[in-house]
Amino acid sequence: MSVSADAVVIHTDGASRGNPGPAAIGVVIAEPSGRVLAEFGEALPNTTNNVAEYTAVIRALERARALGARRVQCLMDSQLVVRQLNGQYRVKHPDMLPLYRRVLELIQEYDEVTFAHVPRELNAEADRLANQALDGGAGGETPERLVTGFFQALVSGQWPQARRVMGDDFRFRRVTKTRELDAGAFLEMWQKTTAGHTWRPGPVRAVGSEVILEAMASDRDQKTAVLWICVVEDGKLRRLLEYEDNGS
């Protein structure tokens, strides 16, 4: 999907109950005329308000890029994050530095990105989406749980359930290959190449806007370590990059 104009206005909000505690984000992406192009909420693992605010900006910029935007105005009610992104304050906290750097990387993919503070009452829809996700409403499943559930569906052969988690634009690639697979081709490949394997799942964790899953597969001949780097947007698995080490 492409936007009808190259400019968008983004409202973001991050919330944490306990600071650190249960957290979530809310994002609204609209044309300057006000027509909404995308909006979503997403629950996060326990974290701070500031980490949630940065995560919201990252998810929003990634989504706007997928929509084809070239110029972005980002509006939020966190004065601290706005001033850091505008270069007025330094980012010193170790939990925020990787997120700050990810935002800077994303900015390079646009012609123009600006950041401005707005009062909370003018950021009400993003705030509502964040709180809805925090309360377990629409979009309340964390990306880590989504990826874990997807992996479990694959291992147990629940193909329809796995397919429901995958976005229509899903793409899979192994780092040693250039060919990408869509959702149907990925499921077909999985059924053919993983038959007879015994899987032992490892840790699942969020790193910035990505989810990392580790697992071990074994058959009668060898053991293979697998690492997935997953991108989850709008409650769907969109990208899956696989590293594989079979000990050879």
C-alpha atoms as a PDB file:
ATOM      1  CA  MET A   1       0.000   0.000   0.000  1.00  0.00           C
ATOM      2  CA  SER A   2       1.283   3.513  -0.845  1.00  0.00           C
ATOM      3  CA  VAL A   3       0.098   6.789   0.548  1.00  0.00           C
ATOM      4  CA  SER A   4      -1.493   9.263  -1.845  1.00  0.00           C
ATOM      5  CA  ALA A   5       0.912  11.988  -0.726  1.00  0.00           C
ATOM      6  CA  ASP A   6       4.541  11.697   0.301  1.00  0.00           C
ATOM      7  CA  ALA A   7       3.988  13.564   3.585  1.00  0.00           C
ATOM      8  CA  VAL A   8       2.453  12.085   6.745  1.00  0.00           C
ATOM      9  CA  VAL A   9       1.789  13.240  10.294  1.00  0.00           C
ATOM     10  CA  ILE A  10       2.508  10.705  13.033  1.00  0.00           C
ATOM     11  CA  HIS A  11       1.196  10.747  16.593  1.00  0.00           C
ATOM     12  CA  THR A  12       2.945   8.375  19.005  1.00  0.00           C
ATOM     13  CA  ASP A  13       2.611   7.554  22.670  1.00  0.00           C
ATOM     14  CA  GLY A  14       4.332   5.170  25.059  1.00  0.00           C
ATOM     15  CA  ALA A  15       2.952   4.152  28.437  1.00  0.00           C
ATOM     16  CA  SER A  16       4.326   2.174  31.386  1.00  0.00           C
ATOM     17  CA  ARG A  17       2.467   1.321  34.572  1.00  0.00           C
ATOM     18  CA  GLY A  18       5.068   1.152  37.305  1.00  0.00           C
ATOM     19  CA  ASN A  19       7.917   2.729  35.314  1.00  0.00           C
ATOM     20  CA  PRO A  20       9.326   0.144  34.870  1.00  0.00           C
ATOM     21  CA  GLY A  21       6.292  -2.078  34.548  1.00  0.00           C
ATOM     22  CA  PRO A  22       3.785  -3.357  31.970  1.00  0.00           C
ATOM     23  CA  ALA A  23       4.091  -1.106  28.916  1.00  0.00           C
ATOM     24  CA  ALA A  24       2.562  -0.429  25.517  1.00  0.00           C
ATOM     25  CA  ILE A  25       2.652   1.952  22.573  1.00  0.00           C
ATOM     26  CA  GLY A  26       0.075   3.708  20.412  1.00  0.00           C
ATOM     27  CA  VAL A  27       0.625   5.010  16.874  1.00  0.00           C
ATOM     28  CA  VAL A  28      -1.544   6.990  14.457  1.00  0.00           C
ATOM     29  CA  ILE A  29      -0.302   7.769  10.925  1.00  0.00           C
ATOM     30  CA  ALA A  30      -2.347  10.212   8.862  1.00  0.00           C
ATOM     31  CA  GLU A  31      -2.144  12.456   5.835  1.00  0.00           C
ATOM     32  CA  PRO A  32      -1.867  16.205   6.556  1.00  0.00           C
ATOM     33  CA  SER A  33      -5.560  16.426   5.643  1.00  0.00           C
ATOM     34  CA  GLY A  34      -6.346  14.161   8.607  1.00  0.00           C
ATOM     35  CA  ARG A  35      -7.196  10.968   6.706  1.00  0.00           C
ATOM     36  CA  VAL A  36      -5.870   8.088   8.822  1.00  0.00           C
ATOM     37  CA  LEU A  37      -3.621   5.668   6.950  1.00  0.00           C
ATOM     38  CA  ALA A  38      -2.727   3.340   9.841  1.00  0.00           C
ATOM     39  CA  GLU A  39      -3.241   3.133  13.574  1.00  0.00           C
ATOM     40  CA  PHE A  40      -2.278   0.454  16.056  1.00  0.00           C
ATOM     41  CA  GLY A  41      -1.463  -0.333  19.661  1.00  0.00           C
ATOM     42  CA  GLU A  42       1.088  -2.877  20.830  1.00  0.00           C
ATOM     43  CA  ALA A  43       1.906  -4.291  24.256  1.00  0.00           C
ATOM     44  CA  LEU A  44       5.567  -4.431  25.296  1.00  0.00           C
ATOM     45  CA  PRO A  45       7.510  -6.376  27.921  1.00  0.00           C
ATOM     46  CA  ASN A  46       7.989  -4.612  31.263  1.00  0.00           C
ATOM     47  CA  THR A  47       9.949  -1.433  30.655  1.00  0.00           C
ATOM     48  CA  THR A  48      10.041   2.307  31.346  1.00  0.00           C
ATOM     49  CA  ASN A  49       7.977   5.154  29.925  1.00  0.00           C
ATOM     50  CA  ASN A  50      10.941   6.495  27.974  1.00  0.00           C
ATOM     51  CA  VAL A  51      11.785   3.144  26.365  1.00  0.00           C
ATOM     52  CA  ALA A  52       8.119   2.811  25.395  1.00  0.00           C
ATOM     53  CA  GLU A  53       8.141   6.313  23.883  1.00  0.00           C
ATOM     54  CA  TYR A  54      11.202   5.499  21.770  1.00  0.00           C
ATOM     55  CA  THR A  55       9.754   2.153  20.707  1.00  0.00           C
ATOM     56  CA  ALA A  56       6.596   3.932  19.541  1.00  0.00           C
ATOM     57  CA  VAL A  57       8.664   6.286  17.358  1.00  0.00           C
ATOM     58  CA  ILE A  58      10.581   3.341  15.879  1.00  0.00           C
ATOM     59  CA  ARG A  59       7.448   1.350  15.063  1.00  0.00           C
ATOM     60  CA  ALA A  60       5.832   4.458  13.570  1.00  0.00           C
ATOM     61  CA  LEU A  61       8.787   5.318  11.323  1.00  0.00           C
ATOM     62  CA  GLU A  62       9.057   1.717  10.139  1.00  0.00           C
ATOM     63  CA  ARG A  63       5.348   1.635   9.335  1.00  0.00           C
ATOM     64  CA  ALA A  64       5.398   5.010   7.569  1.00  0.00           C
ATOM     65  CA  ARG A  65       8.328   3.815   5.465  1.00  0.00           C
ATOM     66  CA  ALA A  66       6.314   0.736   4.447  1.00  0.00           C
ATOM     67  CA  LEU A  67       3.461   3.059   3.443  1.00  0.00           C
ATOM     68  CA  GLY A  68       5.785   4.963   1.103  1.00  0.00           C
ATOM     69  CA  ALA A  69       6.083   8.249   2.986  1.00  0.00           C
ATOM     70  CA  ARG A  70       9.103  10.495   2.318  1.00  0.00           C
ATOM     71  CA  ARG A  71       8.437  13.402   4.686  1.00  0.00           C
ATOM     72  CA  VAL A  72       7.289  12.839   8.258  1.00  0.00           C
ATOM     73  CA  GLN A  73       6.162  15.089  11.093  1.00  0.00           C
ATOM     74  CA  CYS A  74       6.323  13.212  14.420  1.00  0.00           C
ATOM     75  CA  LEU A  75       4.174  14.549  17.259  1.00  0.00           C
ATOM     76  CA  MET A  76       4.285  13.253  20.835  1.00  0.00           C
ATOM     77  CA  ASP A  77       3.640  14.444  24.388  1.00  0.00           C
ATOM     78  CA  SER A  78       7.068  13.454  25.776  1.00  0.00           C
ATOM     79  CA  GLN A  79       9.151  16.629  25.971  1.00  0.00           C
ATOM     80  CA  LEU A  80      12.239  14.627  26.977  1.00  0.00           C
ATOM     81  CA  VAL A  81      12.197  12.376  23.895  1.00  0.00           C
ATOM     82  CA  VAL A  82      11.442  15.299  21.570  1.00  0.00           C
ATOM     83  CA  ARG A  83      14.362  17.304  22.962  1.00  0.00           C
ATOM     84  CA  GLN A  84      16.697  14.331  22.714  1.00  0.00           C
ATOM     85  CA  LEU A  85      15.710  13.631  19.112  1.00  0.00           C
ATOM     86  CA  ASN A  86      16.128  17.319  18.260  1.00  0.00           C
ATOM     87  CA  GLY A  87      19.628  17.319  19.750  1.00  0.00           C
ATOM     88  CA  GLN A  88      18.821  19.578  22.711  1.00  0.00           C
ATOM     89  CA  TYR A  89      19.455  16.841  25.321  1.00  0.00           C
ATOM     90  CA  ARG A  90      21.996  14.023  25.280  1.00  0.00           C
ATOM     91  CA  VAL A  91      20.921  10.388  25.565  1.00  0.00           C
ATOM     92  CA  LYS A  92      22.917   8.734  28.338  1.00  0.00           C
ATOM     93  CA  HIS A  93      20.808   5.856  29.653  1.00  0.00           C
ATOM     94  CA  PRO A  94      22.081   2.468  28.342  1.00  0.00           C
ATOM     95  CA  ASP A  95      18.529   1.162  27.740  1.00  0.00           C
ATOM     96  CA  MET A  96      17.702   4.117  25.509  1.00  0.00           C
ATOM     97  CA  LEU A  97      20.906   4.463  23.482  1.00  0.00           C
ATOM     98  CA  PRO A  98      20.212   1.533  21.078  1.00  0.00           C
ATOM     99  CA  LEU A  99      16.690   2.830  20.498  1.00  0.00           C
ATOM    100  CA  TYR A 100      17.938   6.378  19.917  1.00  0.00           C
ATOM    101  CA  ARG A 101      20.456   5.094  17.367  1.00  0.00           C
ATOM    102  CA  ARG A 102      17.743   3.065  15.617  1.00  0.00           C
ATOM    103  CA  VAL A 103      15.649   6.220  15.232  1.00  0.00           C
ATOM    104  CA  LEU A 104      18.651   8.005  13.696  1.00  0.00           C
ATOM    105  CA  GLU A 105      19.076   5.125  11.233  1.00  0.00           C
ATOM    106  CA  LEU A 106      15.439   5.322  10.203  1.00  0.00           C
ATOM    107  CA  ILE A 107      15.620   9.087   9.725  1.00  0.00           C
ATOM    108  CA  GLN A 108      18.239   8.552   7.018  1.00  0.00           C
ATOM    109  CA  GLU A 109      15.653   6.702   4.924  1.00  0.00           C
ATOM    110  CA  TYR A 110      13.441   9.796   4.609  1.00  0.00           C
ATOM    111  CA  ASP A 111      13.802  13.144   2.872  1.00  0.00           C
ATOM    112  CA  GLU A 112      12.661  14.963   6.002  1.00  0.00           C
ATOM    113  CA  VAL A 113      11.696  14.016   9.570  1.00  0.00           C
ATOM    114  CA  THR A 114      10.753  16.520  12.282  1.00  0.00           C
ATOM    115  CA  PHE A 115       9.873  16.002  15.943  1.00  0.00           C
ATOM    116  CA  ALA A 116       7.567  18.264  17.956  1.00  0.00           C
ATOM    117  CA  HIS A 117       5.890  18.218  21.353  1.00  0.00           C
ATOM    118  CA  VAL A 118       2.102  18.445  21.674  1.00  0.00           C
ATOM    119  CA  PRO A 119      -0.085  18.569  24.812  1.00  0.00           C
ATOM    120  CA  ARG A 120      -1.536  15.229  25.891  1.00  0.00           C
ATOM    121  CA  GLU A 121      -5.054  16.284  24.890  1.00  0.00           C
ATOM    122  CA  LEU A 122      -3.857  16.671  21.289  1.00  0.00           C
ATOM    123  CA  ASN A 123      -2.337  13.192  21.398  1.00  0.00           C
ATOM    124  CA  ALA A 124      -5.472  11.499  22.690  1.00  0.00           C
ATOM    125  CA  GLU A 125      -5.893   8.809  20.023  1.00  0.00           C
ATOM    126  CA  ALA A 126      -2.318   7.520  20.318  1.00  0.00           C
ATOM    127  CA  ASP A 127      -2.739   7.556  24.101  1.00  0.00           C
ATOM    128  CA  ARG A 128      -6.004   5.595  23.806  1.00  0.00           C
ATOM    129  CA  LEU A 129      -4.386   2.953  21.598  1.00  0.00           C
ATOM    130  CA  ALA A 130      -1.468   2.555  24.008  1.00  0.00           C
ATOM    131  CA  ASN A 131      -3.762   2.137  26.999  1.00  0.00           C
ATOM    132  CA  GLN A 132      -6.024  -0.241  25.107  1.00  0.00           C
ATOM    133  CA  ALA A 133      -3.007  -2.439  24.321  1.00  0.00           C
ATOM    134  CA  LEU A 134      -1.844  -2.142  27.918  1.00  0.00           C
ATOM    135  CA  ASP A 135      -5.241  -3.322  29.129  1.00  0.00           C
ATOM    136  CA  GLY A 136      -5.124  -6.334  26.805  1.00  0.00           C
ATOM    137  CA  GLY A 137      -7.501  -5.000  24.155  1.00  0.00           C
ATOM    138  CA  ALA A 138      -6.892  -4.864  20.400  1.00  0.00           C
ATOM    139  CA  GLY A 139      -3.223  -5.285  19.740  1.00  0.00           C
ATOM    140  CA  GLY A 140      -2.593  -6.392  23.320  1.00  0.00           C
ATOM    141  CA  GLU A 141      -0.451  -9.440  22.482  1.00  0.00           C
ATOM    142  CA  THR A 142       3.245  -8.735  22.762  1.00  0.00           C
ATOM    143  CA  PRO A 143       5.462  -9.376  19.711  1.00  0.00           C
ATOM    144  CA  GLU A 144       7.406 -11.958  21.747  1.00  0.00           C
ATOM    145  CA  ARG A 145       4.241 -13.941  22.479  1.00  0.00           C
ATOM    146  CA  LEU A 146       3.185 -13.720  18.851  1.00  0.00           C
ATOM    147  CA  VAL A 147       6.527 -15.109  17.638  1.00  0.00           C
ATOM    148  CA  THR A 148       6.505 -17.806  20.326  1.00  0.00           C
ATOM    149  CA  GLY A 149       2.979 -18.856  19.361  1.00  0.00           C
ATOM    150  CA  PHE A 150       3.939 -18.882  15.671  1.00  0.00           C
ATOM    151  CA  PHE A 151       6.920 -21.147  16.364  1.00  0.00           C
ATOM    152  CA  GLN A 152       4.826 -23.499  18.484  1.00  0.00           C
ATOM    153  CA  ALA A 153       2.188 -23.689  15.730  1.00  0.00           C
ATOM    154  CA  LEU A 154       4.875 -24.651  13.201  1.00  0.00           C
ATOM    155  CA  VAL A 155       6.441 -27.292  15.454  1.00  0.00           C
ATOM    156  CA  SER A 156       3.050 -28.862  16.187  1.00  0.00           C
ATOM    157  CA  GLY A 157       1.948 -28.777  12.525  1.00  0.00           C
ATOM    158  CA  GLN A 158      -0.904 -26.326  13.072  1.00  0.00           C
ATOM    159  CA  TRP A 159      -0.528 -24.726   9.652  1.00  0.00           C
ATOM    160  CA  PRO A 160      -3.765 -22.663   9.549  1.00  0.00           C
ATOM    161  CA  GLN A 161      -2.937 -21.181  12.954  1.00  0.00           C
ATOM    162  CA  ALA A 162       0.598 -20.324  11.811  1.00  0.00           C
ATOM    163  CA  ARG A 163      -0.734 -18.726   8.624  1.00  0.00           C
ATOM    164  CA  ARG A 164      -3.106 -16.474  10.553  1.00  0.00           C
ATOM    165  CA  VAL A 165      -0.137 -14.916  12.336  1.00  0.00           C
ATOM    166  CA  MET A 166       1.641 -14.053   9.052  1.00  0.00           C
ATOM    167  CA  GLY A 167       0.915 -10.804   7.244  1.00  0.00           C
ATOM    168  CA  ASP A 168      -0.053 -10.785   3.577  1.00  0.00           C
ATOM    169  CA  ASP A 169       3.331  -9.157   2.868  1.00  0.00           C
ATOM    170  CA  PHE A 170       5.288 -11.771   4.879  1.00  0.00           C
ATOM    171  CA  ARG A 171       8.793 -12.533   3.601  1.00  0.00           C
ATOM    172  CA  PHE A 172      11.284 -15.167   4.791  1.00  0.00           C
ATOM    173  CA  ARG A 173      14.980 -15.384   3.932  1.00  0.00           C
ATOM    174  CA  ARG A 174      17.985 -17.329   5.139  1.00  0.00           C
ATOM    175  CA  VAL A 175      21.127 -15.231   5.437  1.00  0.00           C
ATOM    176  CA  THR A 176      22.963 -17.649   3.132  1.00  0.00           C
ATOM    177  CA  LYS A 177      20.339 -17.254   0.397  1.00  0.00           C
ATOM    178  CA  THR A 178      19.154 -14.329  -1.700  1.00  0.00           C
ATOM    179  CA  ARG A 179      15.756 -15.824  -2.516  1.00  0.00           C
ATOM    180  CA  GLU A 180      12.820 -14.670  -0.409  1.00  0.00           C
ATOM    181  CA  LEU A 181       9.758 -16.798   0.322  1.00  0.00           C
ATOM    182  CA  ASP A 182       6.216 -15.578   0.827  1.00  0.00           C
ATOM    183  CA  ALA A 183       3.905 -17.064   3.463  1.00  0.00           C
ATOM    184  CA  GLY A 184       2.699 -20.012   1.382  1.00  0.00           C
ATOM    185  CA  ALA A 185       6.162 -20.952   0.152  1.00  0.00           C
ATOM    186  CA  PHE A 186       7.581 -20.699   3.672  1.00  0.00           C
ATOM    187  CA  LEU A 187       4.964 -23.051   5.130  1.00  0.00           C
ATOM    188  CA  GLU A 188       5.512 -25.514   2.289  1.00  0.00           C
ATOM    189  CA  MET A 189       9.284 -25.394   2.831  1.00  0.00           C
ATOM    190  CA  TRP A 190       8.881 -25.883   6.581  1.00  0.00           C
ATOM    191  CA  GLN A 191       6.688 -28.968   6.115  1.00  0.00           C
ATOM    192  CA  LYS A 192       9.147 -30.551   3.676  1.00  0.00           C
ATOM    193  CA  THR A 193      12.486 -29.744   5.305  1.00  0.00           C
ATOM    194  CA  THR A 194      11.715 -30.045   9.019  1.00  0.00           C
ATOM    195  CA  ALA A 195       9.896 -33.389   8.986  1.00  0.00           C
ATOM    196  CA  GLY A 196      11.453 -35.721  11.535  1.00  0.00           C
ATOM    197  CA  HIS A 197      13.152 -32.947  13.492  1.00  0.00           C
ATOM    198  CA  THR A 198      12.862 -32.587  17.237  1.00  0.00           C
ATOM    199  CA  TRP A 199      12.767 -28.921  18.269  1.00  0.00           C
ATOM    200  CA  ARG A 200      13.894 -27.441  21.552  1.00  0.00           C
ATOM    201  CA  PRO A 201      12.928 -23.752  21.790  1.00  0.00           C
ATOM    202  CA  GLY A 202      15.312 -21.325  23.447  1.00  0.00           C
ATOM    203  CA  PRO A 203      14.904 -17.729  24.641  1.00  0.00           C
ATOM    204  CA  VAL A 204      12.701 -15.166  22.914  1.00  0.00           C
ATOM    205  CA  ARG A 205      13.485 -11.497  23.473  1.00  0.00           C
ATOM    206  CA  ALA A 206      12.788  -8.076  22.010  1.00  0.00           C
ATOM    207  CA  VAL A 207      15.742  -6.050  20.735  1.00  0.00           C
ATOM    208  CA  GLY A 208      14.540  -2.617  19.680  1.00  0.00           C
ATOM    209  CA  SER A 209      11.813  -3.141  17.106  1.00  0.00           C
ATOM    210  CA  GLU A 210      12.777  -6.776  16.400  1.00  0.00           C
ATOM    211  CA  VAL A 211      12.094 -10.081  18.149  1.00  0.00           C
ATOM    212  CA  ILE A 212      14.915 -12.626  18.449  1.00  0.00           C
ATOM    213  CA  LEU A 213      14.065 -16.337  18.786  1.00  0.00           C
ATOM    214  CA  GLU A 214      16.618 -19.087  19.330  1.00  0.00           C
ATOM    215  CA  ALA A 215      15.946 -22.804  18.914  1.00  0.00           C
ATOM    216  CA  MET A 216      17.743 -26.123  18.480  1.00  0.00           C
ATOM    217  CA  ALA A 217      16.676 -28.763  15.946  1.00  0.00           C
ATOM    218  CA  SER A 218      17.952 -32.324  15.989  1.00  0.00           C
ATOM    219  CA  ASP A 219      17.463 -35.457  13.946  1.00  0.00           C
ATOM    220  CA  ARG A 220      19.342 -38.760  13.875  1.00  0.00           C
ATOM    221  CA  ASP A 221      22.370 -37.271  12.100  1.00  0.00           C
ATOM    222  CA  GLN A 222      22.992 -33.775  13.446  1.00  0.00           C
ATOM    223  CA  LYS A 223      21.924 -30.876  15.592  1.00  0.00           C
ATOM    224  CA  THR A 224      21.225 -27.456  14.129  1.00  0.00           C
ATOM    225  CA  ALA A 225      21.091 -24.150  15.990  1.00  0.00           C
ATOM    226  CA  VAL A 226      18.614 -21.658  14.543  1.00  0.00           C
ATOM    227  CA  LEU A 227      18.233 -17.950  15.242  1.00  0.00           C
ATOM    228  CA  TRP A 228      15.309 -15.924  13.913  1.00  0.00           C
ATOM    229  CA  ILE A 229      15.187 -12.153  13.633  1.00  0.00           C
ATOM    230  CA  CYS A 230      11.507 -11.243  13.310  1.00  0.00           C
ATOM    231  CA  VAL A 231       9.698  -8.021  12.505  1.00  0.00           C
ATOM    232  CA  VAL A 232       6.155  -7.766  13.899  1.00  0.00           C
ATOM    233  CA  GLU A 233       3.910  -4.886  12.850  1.00  0.00           C
ATOM    234  CA  ASP A 234       0.202  -4.300  13.473  1.00  0.00           C
ATOM    235  CA  GLY A 235      -0.097  -7.678  15.205  1.00  0.00           C
ATOM    236  CA  LYS A 236       1.301  -9.641  12.235  1.00  0.00           C
ATOM    237  CA  LEU A 237       4.631 -11.280  11.476  1.00  0.00           C
ATOM    238  CA  ARG A 238       6.018  -9.370   8.481  1.00  0.00           C
ATOM    239  CA  ARG A 239       9.671 -10.387   8.107  1.00  0.00           C
ATOM    240  CA  LEU A 240      11.686 -13.405   9.229  1.00  0.00           C
ATOM    241  CA  LEU A 241      15.458 -13.616   8.735  1.00  0.00           C
ATOM    242  CA  GLU A 242      17.025 -16.956   9.686  1.00  0.00           C
ATOM    243  CA  TYR A 243      20.574 -17.769  10.751  1.00  0.00           C
ATOM    244  CA  GLU A 244      21.409 -21.474  10.793  1.00  0.00           C
ATOM    245  CA  ASP A 245      24.421 -23.263  12.229  1.00  0.00           C
ATOM    246  CA  ASN A 246      24.646 -27.015  11.672  1.00  0.00           C
ATOM    247  CA  GLY A 247      28.158 -27.278  13.012  1.00  0.00           C
ATOM    248  CA  SER A 248      29.759 -27.687   9.607  1.00  0.00           C
END
